[in-house]
Amino acid sequence: MAVLVAAVFTVLCVVCVFIVRLYHVVRTGSSYKPGTKGPVSVVVVAGSGGHTTEILRLMECLSAAYTPRHYVIADTDRMSEEKICTFESSKQHSDSESQFTICRIPRSREVHQSWSSSVVSTLDALRYSLPLVFRLRPDVVLCNGPGTCVPLCAAGLLLGILGMKKVSIVYVESICRVQTLSLTGRILYPMSDYFFVQWSSLRDKYPKSIFLGRLV
């Protein structure tokens, strides 16, 4: 009985420490200024279709300081890899130091997938995201809405919670979201360091968000 009580007490202590550190990470944000201390490693989450097109347009605006770039796509995505390779191939003409990788993880939620089954698939995606992010240890996770980015951002946040490295979460809401945030946006809004929206109507509803006009 004493052993059981001790075990429960230990688990509760660990959970309390986890919550306190999570609160600290979310509240304090990042004091790191990208590019001021050399190259900035970035994980770029590319969803299929329009998400990939938008994120690559955003990547065109990033300086050469953002390297290496680690693109993460869903294992069922058959188009994004070609788009990424084409983009990076054109980028190398102006950046001789261009470095990038493409990684695949299970998709968190397929189109029309039930919410109950998506919980299981998201946990499966998290199982792959944790070792990937812990191995890459990026400075930034950049995403714009695909469900695949949720477990990756959670893994990046965990790095900070464990005191291993502060990972800045940068979220850009899709241009098609005019009045309401996407489900991914609602999930990541409280934990992101920088949350960009492309319509002033969203900025008015979500005071933490940053409105810079149309980014893509």
C-alpha atoms as a PDB file:
ATOM      1  CA  MET A   1       0.000   0.000   0.000  1.00  0.00           C
ATOM      2  CA  ALA A   2       2.826   2.385   0.877  1.00  0.00           C
ATOM      3  CA  VAL A   3       4.487   1.663  -2.450  1.00  0.00           C
ATOM      4  CA  LEU A   4       1.252   2.467  -4.300  1.00  0.00           C
ATOM      5  CA  VAL A   5       0.833   5.756  -2.428  1.00  0.00           C
ATOM      6  CA  ALA A   6       4.433   6.692  -3.178  1.00  0.00           C
ATOM      7  CA  ALA A   7       3.958   5.871  -6.860  1.00  0.00           C
ATOM      8  CA  VAL A   8       0.775   7.963  -7.086  1.00  0.00           C
ATOM      9  CA  PHE A   9       2.484  10.845  -5.285  1.00  0.00           C
ATOM     10  CA  THR A  10       5.435  10.692  -7.718  1.00  0.00           C
ATOM     11  CA  VAL A  11       3.124  10.723 -10.737  1.00  0.00           C
ATOM     12  CA  LEU A  12       1.222  13.716  -9.334  1.00  0.00           C
ATOM     13  CA  CYS A  13       4.477  15.582  -8.754  1.00  0.00           C
ATOM     14  CA  VAL A  14       5.614  14.907 -12.320  1.00  0.00           C
ATOM     15  CA  VAL A  15       2.254  16.087 -13.685  1.00  0.00           C
ATOM     16  CA  CYS A  16       2.422  19.260 -11.581  1.00  0.00           C
ATOM     17  CA  VAL A  17       5.943  20.033 -12.779  1.00  0.00           C
ATOM     18  CA  PHE A  18       4.831  19.391 -16.368  1.00  0.00           C
ATOM     19  CA  ILE A  19       1.887  21.795 -16.039  1.00  0.00           C
ATOM     20  CA  VAL A  20       4.009  24.510 -14.407  1.00  0.00           C
ATOM     21  CA  ARG A  21       6.672  24.284 -17.101  1.00  0.00           C
ATOM     22  CA  LEU A  22       4.031  24.226 -19.840  1.00  0.00           C
ATOM     23  CA  TYR A  23       2.457  27.385 -18.397  1.00  0.00           C
ATOM     24  CA  HIS A  24       5.880  29.031 -18.212  1.00  0.00           C
ATOM     25  CA  VAL A  25       6.752  28.178 -21.820  1.00  0.00           C
ATOM     26  CA  VAL A  26       3.411  29.363 -23.187  1.00  0.00           C
ATOM     27  CA  ARG A  27       3.387  32.577 -21.155  1.00  0.00           C
ATOM     28  CA  THR A  28       6.977  33.661 -21.626  1.00  0.00           C
ATOM     29  CA  GLY A  29       7.217  32.918 -25.338  1.00  0.00           C
ATOM     30  CA  SER A  30      10.529  33.200 -27.121  1.00  0.00           C
ATOM     31  CA  SER A  31      13.224  35.816 -26.539  1.00  0.00           C
ATOM     32  CA  TYR A  32      15.262  34.411 -29.394  1.00  0.00           C
ATOM     33  CA  LYS A  33      15.559  36.605 -32.467  1.00  0.00           C
ATOM     34  CA  PRO A  34      15.977  34.443 -35.600  1.00  0.00           C
ATOM     35  CA  GLY A  35      19.129  35.176 -37.541  1.00  0.00           C
ATOM     36  CA  THR A  36      20.957  37.047 -34.779  1.00  0.00           C
ATOM     37  CA  LYS A  37      22.988  34.028 -33.735  1.00  0.00           C
ATOM     38  CA  GLY A  38      23.716  32.328 -37.029  1.00  0.00           C
ATOM     39  CA  PRO A  39      21.596  29.861 -39.039  1.00  0.00           C
ATOM     40  CA  VAL A  40      18.044  29.118 -37.932  1.00  0.00           C
ATOM     41  CA  SER A  41      16.949  25.506 -38.235  1.00  0.00           C
ATOM     42  CA  VAL A  42      13.286  25.311 -39.218  1.00  0.00           C
ATOM     43  CA  VAL A  43      10.734  22.521 -39.451  1.00  0.00           C
ATOM     44  CA  VAL A  44       8.222  23.380 -42.166  1.00  0.00           C
ATOM     45  CA  VAL A  45       4.928  21.501 -42.070  1.00  0.00           C
ATOM     46  CA  ALA A  46       3.498  21.086 -45.539  1.00  0.00           C
ATOM     47  CA  GLY A  47      -0.055  19.872 -45.906  1.00  0.00           C
ATOM     48  CA  SER A  48      -1.407  18.583 -49.185  1.00  0.00           C
ATOM     49  CA  GLY A  49      -2.820  20.819 -51.924  1.00  0.00           C
ATOM     50  CA  GLY A  50      -3.373  24.455 -51.003  1.00  0.00           C
ATOM     51  CA  HIS A  51      -1.532  24.221 -47.694  1.00  0.00           C
ATOM     52  CA  THR A  52       1.692  23.257 -49.466  1.00  0.00           C
ATOM     53  CA  THR A  53       1.278  26.005 -52.069  1.00  0.00           C
ATOM     54  CA  GLU A  54       0.768  28.636 -49.358  1.00  0.00           C
ATOM     55  CA  ILE A  55       3.654  27.485 -47.170  1.00  0.00           C
ATOM     56  CA  LEU A  56       6.074  27.488 -50.123  1.00  0.00           C
ATOM     57  CA  ARG A  57       5.050  31.051 -50.973  1.00  0.00           C
ATOM     58  CA  LEU A  58       5.850  31.973 -47.401  1.00  0.00           C
ATOM     59  CA  MET A  59       9.206  30.219 -47.680  1.00  0.00           C
ATOM     60  CA  GLU A  60      10.093  32.492 -50.597  1.00  0.00           C
ATOM     61  CA  CYS A  61      10.107  35.392 -48.131  1.00  0.00           C
ATOM     62  CA  LEU A  62      12.568  33.806 -45.700  1.00  0.00           C
ATOM     63  CA  SER A  63      16.222  34.790 -45.792  1.00  0.00           C
ATOM     64  CA  ALA A  64      19.133  32.407 -46.286  1.00  0.00           C
ATOM     65  CA  ALA A  65      19.567  32.390 -42.498  1.00  0.00           C
ATOM     66  CA  TYR A  66      16.776  29.823 -42.280  1.00  0.00           C
ATOM     67  CA  THR A  67      18.767  26.667 -42.881  1.00  0.00           C
ATOM     68  CA  PRO A  68      18.619  23.730 -42.762  1.00  0.00           C
ATOM     69  CA  ARG A  69      14.956  23.432 -43.666  1.00  0.00           C
ATOM     70  CA  HIS A  70      13.226  20.208 -42.688  1.00  0.00           C
ATOM     71  CA  TYR A  71       9.943  19.728 -44.525  1.00  0.00           C
ATOM     72  CA  VAL A  72       7.460  17.343 -42.927  1.00  0.00           C
ATOM     73  CA  ILE A  73       4.627  15.883 -44.966  1.00  0.00           C
ATOM     74  CA  ALA A  74       2.004  13.209 -44.384  1.00  0.00           C
ATOM     75  CA  ASP A  75       2.861   9.704 -45.516  1.00  0.00           C
ATOM     76  CA  THR A  76      -0.257   9.680 -47.727  1.00  0.00           C
ATOM     77  CA  ASP A  77       0.677  12.941 -49.471  1.00  0.00           C
ATOM     78  CA  ARG A  78       1.787  12.147 -53.033  1.00  0.00           C
ATOM     79  CA  MET A  79       2.170  15.666 -54.427  1.00  0.00           C
ATOM     80  CA  SER A  80       3.956  17.851 -51.888  1.00  0.00           C
ATOM     81  CA  GLU A  81       7.369  16.210 -52.211  1.00  0.00           C
ATOM     82  CA  GLU A  82       7.610  17.117 -55.907  1.00  0.00           C
ATOM     83  CA  LYS A  83       6.536  20.714 -55.200  1.00  0.00           C
ATOM     84  CA  ILE A  84       9.108  21.046 -52.424  1.00  0.00           C
ATOM     85  CA  CYS A  85      11.934  19.637 -54.542  1.00  0.00           C
ATOM     86  CA  THR A  86      11.041  21.997 -57.396  1.00  0.00           C
ATOM     87  CA  PHE A  87      10.972  24.966 -55.014  1.00  0.00           C
ATOM     88  CA  GLU A  88      14.292  24.074 -53.398  1.00  0.00           C
ATOM     89  CA  SER A  89      15.897  23.418 -56.770  1.00  0.00           C
ATOM     90  CA  SER A  90      15.051  26.951 -57.913  1.00  0.00           C
ATOM     91  CA  LYS A  91      16.166  28.357 -54.556  1.00  0.00           C
ATOM     92  CA  GLN A  92      19.640  26.809 -54.866  1.00  0.00           C
ATOM     93  CA  HIS A  93      20.446  29.097 -57.795  1.00  0.00           C
ATOM     94  CA  SER A  94      20.597  32.028 -55.360  1.00  0.00           C
ATOM     95  CA  ASP A  95      21.659  30.119 -52.243  1.00  0.00           C
ATOM     96  CA  SER A  96      24.654  27.865 -52.659  1.00  0.00           C
ATOM     97  CA  GLU A  97      24.349  26.742 -49.037  1.00  0.00           C
ATOM     98  CA  SER A  98      20.759  25.557 -49.423  1.00  0.00           C
ATOM     99  CA  GLN A  99      20.089  22.503 -47.289  1.00  0.00           C
ATOM    100  CA  PHE A 100      16.797  20.697 -46.887  1.00  0.00           C
ATOM    101  CA  THR A 101      15.315  17.343 -45.989  1.00  0.00           C
ATOM    102  CA  ILE A 102      11.863  15.834 -46.450  1.00  0.00           C
ATOM    103  CA  CYS A 103      10.404  13.667 -43.695  1.00  0.00           C
ATOM    104  CA  ARG A 104       7.131  11.768 -43.567  1.00  0.00           C
ATOM    105  CA  ILE A 105       4.868  11.050 -40.610  1.00  0.00           C
ATOM    106  CA  PRO A 106       1.367   9.544 -40.426  1.00  0.00           C
ATOM    107  CA  ARG A 107      -1.422  12.013 -41.115  1.00  0.00           C
ATOM    108  CA  SER A 108      -3.260  13.146 -37.993  1.00  0.00           C
ATOM    109  CA  ARG A 109      -6.637  13.282 -39.696  1.00  0.00           C
ATOM    110  CA  GLU A 110      -7.790  12.408 -43.177  1.00  0.00           C
ATOM    111  CA  VAL A 111     -10.535  14.387 -44.903  1.00  0.00           C
ATOM    112  CA  HIS A 112     -13.964  13.273 -43.606  1.00  0.00           C
ATOM    113  CA  GLN A 113     -12.352  11.072 -40.948  1.00  0.00           C
ATOM    114  CA  SER A 114     -14.481  10.728 -37.810  1.00  0.00           C
ATOM    115  CA  TRP A 115     -13.438  12.711 -34.747  1.00  0.00           C
ATOM    116  CA  SER A 116     -13.247   9.602 -32.564  1.00  0.00           C
ATOM    117  CA  SER A 117     -10.843   7.789 -34.874  1.00  0.00           C
ATOM    118  CA  SER A 118      -8.806  10.972 -35.425  1.00  0.00           C
ATOM    119  CA  VAL A 119      -7.799  10.879 -31.756  1.00  0.00           C
ATOM    120  CA  VAL A 120      -6.097   7.543 -32.355  1.00  0.00           C
ATOM    121  CA  SER A 121      -4.458   8.672 -35.604  1.00  0.00           C
ATOM    122  CA  THR A 122      -3.206  11.888 -33.943  1.00  0.00           C
ATOM    123  CA  LEU A 123      -1.600   9.876 -31.152  1.00  0.00           C
ATOM    124  CA  ASP A 124       0.013   7.681 -33.796  1.00  0.00           C
ATOM    125  CA  ALA A 125       1.355  10.785 -35.550  1.00  0.00           C
ATOM    126  CA  LEU A 126       2.681  12.043 -32.214  1.00  0.00           C
ATOM    127  CA  ARG A 127       4.554   8.768 -31.774  1.00  0.00           C
ATOM    128  CA  TYR A 128       6.518   9.583 -34.934  1.00  0.00           C
ATOM    129  CA  SER A 129       6.738  13.334 -34.311  1.00  0.00           C
ATOM    130  CA  LEU A 130       8.444  13.119 -30.930  1.00  0.00           C
ATOM    131  CA  PRO A 131      11.616  11.275 -32.025  1.00  0.00           C
ATOM    132  CA  LEU A 132      11.762  13.335 -35.232  1.00  0.00           C
ATOM    133  CA  VAL A 133      11.621  16.726 -33.495  1.00  0.00           C
ATOM    134  CA  PHE A 134      13.905  15.585 -30.679  1.00  0.00           C
ATOM    135  CA  ARG A 135      16.456  14.499 -33.300  1.00  0.00           C
ATOM    136  CA  LEU A 136      16.220  17.647 -35.442  1.00  0.00           C
ATOM    137  CA  ARG A 137      15.940  20.090 -32.517  1.00  0.00           C
ATOM    138  CA  PRO A 138      14.725  22.968 -34.706  1.00  0.00           C
ATOM    139  CA  ASP A 139      14.723  26.606 -33.688  1.00  0.00           C
ATOM    140  CA  VAL A 140      11.340  27.170 -35.329  1.00  0.00           C
ATOM    141  CA  VAL A 141       8.301  25.121 -36.334  1.00  0.00           C
ATOM    142  CA  LEU A 142       6.475  26.902 -39.163  1.00  0.00           C
ATOM    143  CA  CYS A 143       2.991  25.747 -40.122  1.00  0.00           C
ATOM    144  CA  ASN A 144      -0.188  27.007 -41.721  1.00  0.00           C
ATOM    145  CA  GLY A 145      -3.020  24.700 -40.800  1.00  0.00           C
ATOM    146  CA  PRO A 146      -2.710  21.032 -41.784  1.00  0.00           C
ATOM    147  CA  GLY A 147      -3.611  18.682 -38.945  1.00  0.00           C
ATOM    148  CA  THR A 148      -0.177  17.107 -39.237  1.00  0.00           C
ATOM    149  CA  CYS A 149       1.343  20.175 -37.585  1.00  0.00           C
ATOM    150  CA  VAL A 150      -0.425  19.633 -34.233  1.00  0.00           C
ATOM    151  CA  PRO A 151       1.715  16.680 -33.028  1.00  0.00           C
ATOM    152  CA  LEU A 152       4.857  18.377 -34.390  1.00  0.00           C
ATOM    153  CA  CYS A 153       4.110  21.573 -32.464  1.00  0.00           C
ATOM    154  CA  ALA A 154       3.345  19.503 -29.363  1.00  0.00           C
ATOM    155  CA  ALA A 155       6.729  17.797 -29.722  1.00  0.00           C
ATOM    156  CA  GLY A 156       8.450  21.164 -30.130  1.00  0.00           C
ATOM    157  CA  LEU A 157       6.663  22.489 -27.055  1.00  0.00           C
ATOM    158  CA  LEU A 158       7.774  19.424 -25.095  1.00  0.00           C
ATOM    159  CA  LEU A 159      11.413  20.216 -25.878  1.00  0.00           C
ATOM    160  CA  GLY A 160      10.948  23.510 -24.079  1.00  0.00           C
ATOM    161  CA  ILE A 161       9.006  21.983 -21.207  1.00  0.00           C
ATOM    162  CA  LEU A 162      11.844  19.536 -20.585  1.00  0.00           C
ATOM    163  CA  GLY A 163      14.343  22.395 -20.683  1.00  0.00           C
ATOM    164  CA  MET A 164      16.169  20.910 -23.664  1.00  0.00           C
ATOM    165  CA  LYS A 165      15.581  23.738 -26.156  1.00  0.00           C
ATOM    166  CA  LYS A 166      13.137  26.577 -26.737  1.00  0.00           C
ATOM    167  CA  VAL A 167      11.360  25.987 -30.038  1.00  0.00           C
ATOM    168  CA  SER A 168       9.386  28.922 -31.451  1.00  0.00           C
ATOM    169  CA  ILE A 169       5.981  27.932 -32.806  1.00  0.00           C
ATOM    170  CA  VAL A 170       4.993  30.140 -35.745  1.00  0.00           C
ATOM    171  CA  TYR A 171       1.495  29.636 -37.107  1.00  0.00           C
ATOM    172  CA  VAL A 172       0.065  31.342 -40.191  1.00  0.00           C
ATOM    173  CA  GLU A 173      -3.675  30.903 -40.625  1.00  0.00           C
ATOM    174  CA  SER A 174      -4.748  30.080 -44.156  1.00  0.00           C
ATOM    175  CA  ILE A 175      -5.963  32.928 -46.338  1.00  0.00           C
ATOM    176  CA  CYS A 176      -9.260  31.110 -46.811  1.00  0.00           C
ATOM    177  CA  ARG A 177     -10.106  31.594 -43.130  1.00  0.00           C
ATOM    178  CA  VAL A 178     -11.856  34.973 -43.105  1.00  0.00           C
ATOM    179  CA  GLN A 179     -14.265  34.951 -40.155  1.00  0.00           C
ATOM    180  CA  THR A 180     -13.264  31.959 -38.024  1.00  0.00           C
ATOM    181  CA  LEU A 181     -10.094  30.053 -37.258  1.00  0.00           C
ATOM    182  CA  SER A 182      -9.558  26.548 -38.526  1.00  0.00           C
ATOM    183  CA  LEU A 183      -9.654  23.704 -36.000  1.00  0.00           C
ATOM    184  CA  THR A 184      -5.849  23.573 -36.085  1.00  0.00           C
ATOM    185  CA  GLY A 185      -5.702  27.318 -35.537  1.00  0.00           C
ATOM    186  CA  ARG A 186      -7.965  27.081 -32.488  1.00  0.00           C
ATOM    187  CA  ILE A 187      -5.781  24.339 -31.036  1.00  0.00           C
ATOM    188  CA  LEU A 188      -2.486  26.147 -31.621  1.00  0.00           C
ATOM    189  CA  TYR A 189      -3.645  29.703 -30.836  1.00  0.00           C
ATOM    190  CA  PRO A 190      -2.835  29.535 -27.088  1.00  0.00           C
ATOM    191  CA  MET A 191       0.531  27.781 -27.480  1.00  0.00           C
ATOM    192  CA  SER A 192       2.029  29.542 -30.507  1.00  0.00           C
ATOM    193  CA  ASP A 193       4.717  32.208 -30.101  1.00  0.00           C
ATOM    194  CA  TYR A 194       3.636  34.060 -33.235  1.00  0.00           C
ATOM    195  CA  PHE A 195       0.134  33.653 -34.651  1.00  0.00           C
ATOM    196  CA  PHE A 196      -0.482  35.384 -37.997  1.00  0.00           C
ATOM    197  CA  VAL A 197      -3.840  35.980 -39.648  1.00  0.00           C
ATOM    198  CA  GLN A 198      -4.489  37.361 -43.110  1.00  0.00           C
ATOM    199  CA  TRP A 199      -7.803  39.109 -42.453  1.00  0.00           C
ATOM    200  CA  SER A 200      -8.414  42.006 -40.066  1.00  0.00           C
ATOM    201  CA  SER A 201     -11.734  40.448 -39.016  1.00  0.00           C
ATOM    202  CA  LEU A 202      -9.788  37.597 -37.393  1.00  0.00           C
ATOM    203  CA  ARG A 203      -7.352  39.987 -35.733  1.00  0.00           C
ATOM    204  CA  ASP A 204     -10.311  41.743 -34.094  1.00  0.00           C
ATOM    205  CA  LYS A 205     -11.629  38.457 -32.701  1.00  0.00           C
ATOM    206  CA  TYR A 206      -8.286  37.069 -31.565  1.00  0.00           C
ATOM    207  CA  PRO A 207      -6.187  39.785 -29.873  1.00  0.00           C
ATOM    208  CA  LYS A 208      -3.041  37.654 -29.682  1.00  0.00           C
ATOM    209  CA  SER A 209      -2.948  37.324 -33.466  1.00  0.00           C
ATOM    210  CA  ILE A 210      -0.754  39.463 -35.718  1.00  0.00           C
ATOM    211  CA  PHE A 211      -2.308  40.941 -38.863  1.00  0.00           C
ATOM    212  CA  LEU A 212       0.088  41.788 -41.670  1.00  0.00           C
ATOM    213  CA  GLY A 213      -2.288  41.763 -44.602  1.00  0.00           C
ATOM    214  CA  ARG A 214      -2.173  39.078 -47.267  1.00  0.00           C
ATOM    215  CA  LEU A 215       0.979  37.058 -46.828  1.00  0.00           C
ATOM    216  CA  VAL A 216       0.437  34.772 -49.818  1.00  0.00           C
END
